[in-house]
Amino acid sequence: MASEIFEEFGQTFEVRLIPSSGGVFEVTVDGDLVYSKKATGRHADYETDVAPALRP
């Protein structure tokens, strides 16, 4: 996911991977939650779940 963000946006966004337990996977941008695997129960799809929140 981080590589897809860098490919499309370069260094526009800070990308951090933070280890957690239980398979939790969340994407935040500027402190705002963009995607939560915990809430949806599935892994994020870059094009449908993450990229739209990053594009103007």
N, C-alpha and C. Protein backbone atom coordinates (compact mmCIF):
# COMPACT_ATOMS: atom_id res chain seq x y z
N MET A 1 0.83 -1.18 0.00
CA MET A 1 0.00 0.00 0.00
C MET A 1 0.88 1.26 0.00
N ALA A 2 1.91 1.28 0.83
CA ALA A 2 2.80 2.44 0.88
C ALA A 2 3.44 2.69 -0.47
N SER A 3 3.85 1.63 -1.16
CA SER A 3 4.49 1.81 -2.47
C SER A 3 3.51 2.40 -3.48
N GLU A 4 2.25 2.01 -3.42
CA GLU A 4 1.25 2.58 -4.33
C GLU A 4 1.04 4.07 -4.06
N ILE A 5 1.02 4.44 -2.79
CA ILE A 5 0.87 5.86 -2.43
C ILE A 5 2.06 6.65 -2.95
N PHE A 6 3.29 6.15 -2.74
CA PHE A 6 4.48 6.84 -3.22
C PHE A 6 4.53 6.93 -4.73
N GLU A 7 4.11 5.86 -5.42
CA GLU A 7 4.12 5.89 -6.89
C GLU A 7 3.19 6.97 -7.43
N GLU A 8 2.02 7.10 -6.84
CA GLU A 8 1.05 8.08 -7.34
C GLU A 8 1.30 9.49 -6.85
N PHE A 9 1.71 9.65 -5.61
CA PHE A 9 1.79 10.98 -5.00
C PHE A 9 3.19 11.42 -4.63
N GLY A 10 4.19 10.57 -4.80
CA GLY A 10 5.54 10.92 -4.39
C GLY A 10 5.60 11.08 -2.88
N GLN A 11 6.28 12.11 -2.44
CA GLN A 11 6.45 12.34 -1.00
C GLN A 11 5.41 13.32 -0.44
N THR A 12 4.27 13.43 -1.09
CA THR A 12 3.23 14.37 -0.67
C THR A 12 2.69 14.03 0.71
N PHE A 13 2.60 12.74 1.02
CA PHE A 13 2.03 12.29 2.28
C PHE A 13 3.07 11.55 3.10
N GLU A 14 2.95 11.63 4.41
CA GLU A 14 3.79 10.83 5.29
C GLU A 14 3.13 9.46 5.43
N VAL A 15 3.89 8.41 5.18
CA VAL A 15 3.36 7.06 5.30
C VAL A 15 4.13 6.36 6.42
N ARG A 16 3.38 5.88 7.40
CA ARG A 16 4.00 5.15 8.51
C ARG A 16 3.27 3.83 8.69
N LEU A 17 4.03 2.78 8.92
CA LEU A 17 3.47 1.48 9.24
C LEU A 17 3.69 1.25 10.73
N ILE A 18 2.59 1.05 11.43
CA ILE A 18 2.67 0.88 12.87
C ILE A 18 2.17 -0.53 13.21
N PRO A 19 3.06 -1.37 13.74
CA PRO A 19 2.67 -2.73 14.08
C PRO A 19 1.56 -2.74 15.13
N SER A 20 0.68 -3.70 15.01
CA SER A 20 -0.41 -3.86 15.96
C SER A 20 -0.71 -5.35 16.09
N SER A 21 -1.64 -5.67 16.95
CA SER A 21 -2.00 -7.08 17.12
C SER A 21 -3.38 -7.34 16.54
N GLY A 22 -3.68 -8.59 16.29
CA GLY A 22 -5.00 -8.96 15.82
C GLY A 22 -5.30 -8.62 14.38
N GLY A 23 -4.28 -8.32 13.57
CA GLY A 23 -4.49 -8.03 12.16
C GLY A 23 -5.13 -6.68 11.88
N VAL A 24 -5.10 -5.78 12.85
CA VAL A 24 -5.69 -4.45 12.65
C VAL A 24 -4.87 -3.69 11.63
N PHE A 25 -5.55 -3.07 10.68
CA PHE A 25 -4.89 -2.30 9.63
C PHE A 25 -5.71 -1.05 9.42
N GLU A 26 -5.12 0.10 9.70
CA GLU A 26 -5.83 1.36 9.52
C GLU A 26 -4.96 2.34 8.74
N VAL A 27 -5.60 3.14 7.93
CA VAL A 27 -4.92 4.16 7.14
C VAL A 27 -5.43 5.51 7.61
N THR A 28 -4.51 6.37 8.02
CA THR A 28 -4.87 7.73 8.39
C THR A 28 -4.09 8.72 7.54
N VAL A 29 -4.71 9.84 7.25
CA VAL A 29 -4.08 10.91 6.49
C VAL A 29 -4.28 12.19 7.28
N ASP A 30 -3.18 12.83 7.62
CA ASP A 30 -3.23 14.05 8.43
C ASP A 30 -4.10 13.88 9.66
N GLY A 31 -4.00 12.71 10.28
CA GLY A 31 -4.73 12.44 11.51
C GLY A 31 -6.17 11.99 11.33
N ASP A 32 -6.66 11.96 10.09
CA ASP A 32 -8.03 11.53 9.82
C ASP A 32 -8.04 10.08 9.35
N LEU A 33 -8.91 9.27 9.95
CA LEU A 33 -9.03 7.88 9.55
C LEU A 33 -9.63 7.79 8.15
N VAL A 34 -8.91 7.13 7.25
CA VAL A 34 -9.35 6.96 5.87
C VAL A 34 -9.92 5.56 5.67
N TYR A 35 -9.31 4.57 6.32
CA TYR A 35 -9.76 3.19 6.16
C TYR A 35 -9.43 2.40 7.42
N SER A 36 -10.33 1.51 7.80
CA SER A 36 -10.11 0.66 8.96
C SER A 36 -10.49 -0.78 8.65
N LYS A 37 -9.50 -1.67 8.66
CA LYS A 37 -9.79 -3.10 8.49
C LYS A 37 -10.59 -3.60 9.68
N LYS A 38 -10.32 -3.03 10.83
CA LYS A 38 -11.06 -3.43 12.03
C LYS A 38 -12.56 -3.16 11.85
N ALA A 39 -12.90 -2.05 11.23
CA ALA A 39 -14.31 -1.69 11.03
C ALA A 39 -14.96 -2.48 9.90
N THR A 40 -14.20 -2.76 8.83
CA THR A 40 -14.78 -3.41 7.65
C THR A 40 -14.62 -4.92 7.65
N GLY A 41 -13.60 -5.40 8.36
CA GLY A 41 -13.35 -6.83 8.39
C GLY A 41 -12.62 -7.36 7.17
N ARG A 42 -12.12 -6.47 6.33
CA ARG A 42 -11.37 -6.89 5.14
C ARG A 42 -10.20 -5.96 4.92
N HIS A 43 -9.24 -6.44 4.12
CA HIS A 43 -8.06 -5.63 3.81
C HIS A 43 -8.46 -4.53 2.83
N ALA A 44 -7.82 -3.40 2.92
CA ALA A 44 -8.12 -2.26 2.06
C ALA A 44 -7.73 -2.53 0.62
N ASP A 45 -8.54 -2.03 -0.30
CA ASP A 45 -8.21 -2.00 -1.70
C ASP A 45 -7.74 -0.57 -2.00
N TYR A 46 -6.56 -0.44 -2.55
CA TYR A 46 -5.99 0.89 -2.76
C TYR A 46 -6.91 1.78 -3.60
N GLU A 47 -7.35 1.29 -4.74
CA GLU A 47 -8.14 2.13 -5.67
C GLU A 47 -9.51 2.53 -5.12
N THR A 48 -10.16 1.66 -4.38
CA THR A 48 -11.52 1.99 -3.92
C THR A 48 -11.57 2.51 -2.50
N ASP A 49 -10.63 2.12 -1.65
CA ASP A 49 -10.71 2.48 -0.24
C ASP A 49 -9.76 3.59 0.19
N VAL A 50 -8.61 3.70 -0.45
CA VAL A 50 -7.59 4.64 0.02
C VAL A 50 -7.36 5.81 -0.93
N ALA A 51 -7.07 5.52 -2.19
CA ALA A 51 -6.73 6.57 -3.16
C ALA A 51 -7.78 7.68 -3.26
N PRO A 52 -9.08 7.37 -3.27
CA PRO A 52 -10.06 8.46 -3.37
C PRO A 52 -9.95 9.50 -2.23
N ALA A 53 -9.53 9.06 -1.05
CA ALA A 53 -9.38 9.98 0.07
C ALA A 53 -8.14 10.86 -0.09
N LEU A 54 -7.19 10.42 -0.90
CA LEU A 54 -5.95 11.18 -1.09
C LEU A 54 -5.99 12.10 -2.30
N ARG A 55 -6.83 11.79 -3.24
CA ARG A 55 -6.90 12.60 -4.47
C ARG A 55 -7.75 13.84 -4.21
N PRO A 56 -7.34 14.96 -4.85
CA PRO A 56 -8.12 16.21 -4.67
C PRO A 56 -9.50 16.13 -5.30
